[in-house]
Amino acid sequence: MDIDSYNHHRFAGWLKELFKDTPCILCGKIHEVKIHQFIDRNISPDNSRKIKTVRIICHSNFLERKETGEKLQYTVTVLPGFLIPHSRVPLPDIYKATDEYLSGRETIQQEAALIMNCQSRHSFQLYYNRICNLASKWIFFLFTVFPENIEKEIPVDMRKKWKQFKGILEEQSIIRMGFSGQIEMLYRFEYTHNTLLHKNMGLGP
């Protein structure tokens, strides 16, 4: 699901189907998850574009909190894969800017920032530094997912590291991670980032 085709009602319907046989992210039990509300979310640095995100409610935690007084979280916003928690820059823009900067196209950081629709190079530096800090962990994680790569060394140079990361995604069958058929590199990155996010290796703060 990309930004242009995103519809919050369809996404809500998909979440309802998902949680029919997936444990609730709040209580860990399998139960019907209801939509609590739709929340406006800025998805551009200049606040010029918005979408509605989906906030779900876990009645199990709500009832337990009511009965015991324990301060359990009972609502949570679930973001589509193209968004990063606490970020107004969509993931596809961060990927494109990083790829332009690291793929030998002589892109400077200010130009990379503009690809992200940001005016300052510091906005790009923020995410670029996070990627630099996480890249080795990402590659090592993919080595565990695709053990046939385990003997390869992770390079020190960031450009080579980025190339290796992309290469693993390109070479391996994404079917193993839930996709079928051919999928563009961008969507492979989005899917992988969503997995990394749940491993505490996402680009959010």
Protein backbone atom coordinates (compact mmCIF):
# COMPACT_ATOMS: atom_id res chain seq x y z
CA MET A 1 0.00 0.00 0.00
CA ASP A 2 1.65 3.24 -1.11
CA ILE A 3 0.87 6.86 -0.25
CA ASP A 4 -1.15 7.56 -3.37
CA SER A 5 -3.37 4.49 -3.06
CA TYR A 6 -3.75 4.67 0.73
CA ASN A 7 -7.29 4.83 2.06
CA HIS A 8 -7.85 4.81 5.82
CA HIS A 9 -11.12 2.87 5.57
CA ARG A 10 -9.45 0.10 3.53
CA PHE A 11 -6.51 0.09 5.93
CA ALA A 12 -8.88 -0.21 8.89
CA GLY A 13 -10.60 -3.14 7.20
CA TRP A 14 -7.25 -4.82 6.63
CA LEU A 15 -6.35 -4.37 10.31
CA LYS A 16 -9.61 -5.97 11.40
CA GLU A 17 -8.84 -8.99 9.22
CA LEU A 18 -5.23 -9.11 10.41
CA PHE A 19 -6.13 -9.24 14.08
CA LYS A 20 -8.58 -12.09 13.63
CA ASP A 21 -5.64 -14.48 13.94
CA THR A 22 -2.81 -12.18 15.08
CA PRO A 23 -2.21 -11.36 18.76
CA CYS A 24 -3.26 -7.84 19.80
CA ILE A 25 -0.22 -5.57 19.99
CA LEU A 26 -1.43 -4.22 23.34
CA CYS A 27 -2.55 -7.26 25.35
CA GLY A 28 -0.99 -10.11 23.36
CA LYS A 29 -4.27 -11.99 23.07
CA ILE A 30 -6.22 -12.84 19.93
CA HIS A 31 -9.53 -11.01 19.96
CA GLU A 32 -11.58 -8.68 17.82
CA VAL A 33 -9.92 -5.30 17.54
CA LYS A 34 -12.19 -2.32 17.04
CA ILE A 35 -11.41 1.01 15.45
CA HIS A 36 -11.29 3.74 18.08
CA GLN A 37 -10.89 6.78 15.81
CA PHE A 38 -9.22 8.21 12.72
CA ILE A 39 -6.51 10.78 13.38
CA ASP A 40 -5.10 13.40 11.01
CA ARG A 41 -1.39 12.91 10.38
CA ASN A 42 0.96 15.26 8.52
CA ILE A 43 3.06 13.38 5.98
CA SER A 44 5.12 16.23 4.55
CA PRO A 45 7.70 18.42 6.29
CA ASP A 46 5.82 21.62 5.36
CA ASN A 47 2.50 20.19 6.65
CA SER A 48 1.01 20.54 3.16
CA ARG A 49 -0.26 16.97 2.99
CA LYS A 50 -2.25 14.92 5.45
CA ILE A 51 -3.75 11.48 5.71
CA LYS A 52 -5.93 9.86 8.34
CA THR A 53 -4.29 7.18 10.45
CA VAL A 54 -6.12 4.45 12.31
CA ARG A 55 -6.24 4.22 16.09
CA ILE A 56 -7.46 0.91 17.49
CA ILE A 57 -8.86 0.11 20.92
CA CYS A 58 -8.19 -3.02 22.95
CA HIS A 59 -11.25 -3.67 25.10
CA SER A 60 -9.36 -6.37 27.01
CA ASN A 61 -6.87 -3.86 28.40
CA PHE A 62 -9.59 -1.25 28.80
CA LEU A 63 -11.69 -3.55 31.01
CA GLU A 64 -8.70 -4.74 33.01
CA ARG A 65 -7.63 -1.16 33.60
CA LYS A 66 -11.15 -0.27 34.71
CA GLU A 67 -11.36 -3.24 37.08
CA THR A 68 -7.85 -3.15 38.55
CA GLY A 69 -6.84 0.49 38.25
CA GLU A 70 -3.61 -0.52 36.53
CA LYS A 71 -2.63 2.06 33.93
CA LEU A 72 -2.67 -0.24 30.92
CA GLN A 73 -2.50 1.28 27.45
CA TYR A 74 -5.69 0.43 25.61
CA THR A 75 -5.50 2.46 22.41
CA VAL A 76 -2.68 2.69 19.87
CA THR A 77 -2.24 4.24 16.43
CA VAL A 78 -1.23 1.77 13.73
CA LEU A 79 0.69 3.36 10.87
CA PRO A 80 0.80 2.19 7.25
CA GLY A 81 4.19 0.90 6.15
CA PHE A 82 5.22 4.11 4.37
CA LEU A 83 5.26 6.11 7.62
CA ILE A 84 7.78 6.25 10.47
CA PRO A 85 6.65 6.90 14.06
CA HIS A 86 7.09 10.56 15.06
CA SER A 87 8.19 11.59 11.56
CA ARG A 88 6.59 13.81 8.95
CA VAL A 89 8.89 12.51 6.21
CA PRO A 90 7.50 9.40 4.48
CA LEU A 91 9.77 6.37 4.34
CA PRO A 92 9.85 6.27 0.49
CA ASP A 93 11.31 9.79 0.41
CA ILE A 94 14.00 8.87 2.93
CA TYR A 95 14.89 5.79 0.90
CA LYS A 96 15.09 7.74 -2.37
CA ALA A 97 17.20 10.51 -0.82
CA THR A 98 19.58 8.03 0.81
CA ASP A 99 19.89 5.95 -2.34
CA GLU A 100 20.65 9.03 -4.43
CA TYR A 101 23.27 10.14 -1.92
CA LEU A 102 24.98 6.76 -1.57
CA SER A 103 24.72 5.32 -5.06
CA GLY A 104 27.50 7.32 -6.66
CA ARG A 105 25.39 9.96 -8.36
CA GLU A 106 27.37 12.87 -6.83
CA THR A 107 24.35 14.05 -4.87
CA ILE A 108 25.15 16.46 -2.05
CA GLN A 109 23.25 16.46 1.22
CA GLN A 110 21.29 19.60 0.36
CA GLU A 111 20.02 17.94 -2.82
CA ALA A 112 19.15 14.82 -0.85
CA ALA A 113 17.16 16.96 1.57
CA LEU A 114 15.17 18.43 -1.32
CA ILE A 115 14.29 14.91 -2.47
CA MET A 116 12.70 14.53 0.97
CA ASN A 117 10.86 17.85 0.44
CA CYS A 118 12.98 19.38 3.20
CA GLN A 119 14.71 22.73 2.86
CA SER A 120 17.63 22.08 5.19
CA ARG A 121 20.38 19.52 4.74
CA HIS A 122 20.15 18.96 8.50
CA SER A 123 16.84 17.17 7.97
CA PHE A 124 18.55 14.68 5.68
CA GLN A 125 21.50 14.38 8.07
CA LEU A 126 19.13 13.31 10.85
CA TYR A 127 17.90 10.24 8.97
CA TYR A 128 21.21 9.58 7.26
CA ASN A 129 22.96 9.39 10.64
CA ARG A 130 20.32 6.96 11.87
CA ILE A 131 20.84 4.80 8.79
CA CYS A 132 24.62 4.89 9.31
CA ASN A 133 24.16 3.80 12.92
CA LEU A 134 21.75 1.01 12.01
CA ALA A 135 23.08 -0.31 8.70
CA SER A 136 25.35 -2.98 10.20
CA LYS A 137 22.55 -4.19 12.47
CA TRP A 138 20.18 -4.33 9.48
CA ILE A 139 22.63 -6.40 7.44
CA PHE A 140 23.37 -8.73 10.34
CA PHE A 141 19.64 -9.24 10.84
CA LEU A 142 19.23 -10.12 7.16
CA PHE A 143 22.10 -12.59 7.54
CA THR A 144 20.03 -14.36 10.20
CA VAL A 145 16.96 -14.34 7.93
CA PHE A 146 18.97 -15.51 4.92
CA PRO A 147 21.72 -17.67 6.49
CA GLU A 148 23.34 -18.46 3.14
CA ASN A 149 24.90 -14.95 3.41
CA ILE A 150 26.34 -15.50 6.86
CA GLU A 151 29.97 -15.83 5.72
CA LYS A 152 30.03 -12.45 4.00
CA GLU A 153 31.74 -9.62 5.86
CA ILE A 154 30.01 -6.31 6.48
CA PRO A 155 32.09 -3.52 4.91
CA VAL A 156 33.15 -0.42 6.84
CA ASP A 157 32.51 2.09 4.05
CA MET A 158 28.91 3.33 4.18
CA ARG A 159 28.43 3.33 0.40
CA LYS A 160 29.55 -0.30 0.21
CA LYS A 161 27.42 -1.12 3.23
CA TRP A 162 24.33 0.38 1.57
CA LYS A 163 25.10 -1.53 -1.63
CA GLN A 164 25.39 -4.77 0.34
CA PHE A 165 22.10 -4.11 2.14
CA LYS A 166 20.29 -3.46 -1.13
CA GLY A 167 21.97 -6.45 -2.73
CA ILE A 168 20.66 -8.82 -0.07
CA LEU A 169 17.13 -7.52 -0.59
CA GLU A 170 17.46 -7.85 -4.36
CA GLU A 171 18.99 -11.33 -4.34
CA GLN A 172 16.75 -13.09 -1.85
CA SER A 173 13.19 -14.19 -2.36
CA ILE A 174 10.91 -11.76 -0.55
CA ILE A 175 8.32 -14.54 -0.63
CA ARG A 176 10.06 -15.82 2.51
CA MET A 177 9.12 -12.56 4.21
CA GLY A 178 5.51 -12.49 3.07
CA PHE A 179 5.57 -11.18 -0.51
CA SER A 180 4.69 -13.02 -3.70
CA GLY A 181 5.72 -12.12 -7.24
CA GLN A 182 8.06 -9.35 -8.31
CA ILE A 183 8.17 -6.31 -6.11
CA GLU A 184 9.98 -3.02 -6.61
CA MET A 185 13.04 -2.33 -4.48
CA LEU A 186 11.28 0.50 -2.68
CA TYR A 187 8.55 -1.79 -1.43
CA ARG A 188 11.08 -4.40 -0.41
CA PHE A 189 12.72 -1.70 1.71
CA GLU A 190 9.37 -0.65 3.20
CA TYR A 191 8.48 -4.21 4.10
CA THR A 192 11.92 -4.87 5.56
CA HIS A 193 11.82 -1.63 7.56
CA ASN A 194 8.47 -2.63 9.01
CA THR A 195 10.06 -5.87 10.19
CA LEU A 196 13.09 -4.00 11.54
CA LEU A 197 10.79 -1.56 13.34
CA HIS A 198 9.36 -4.44 15.36
CA LYS A 199 12.92 -5.48 16.20
CA ASN A 200 13.65 -2.00 17.61
CA MET A 201 15.83 -1.16 14.60
CA GLY A 202 13.53 1.30 12.82
CA LEU A 203 14.28 4.87 11.76
CA GLY A 204 12.05 6.43 14.37
CA PRO A 205 13.45 8.18 17.46
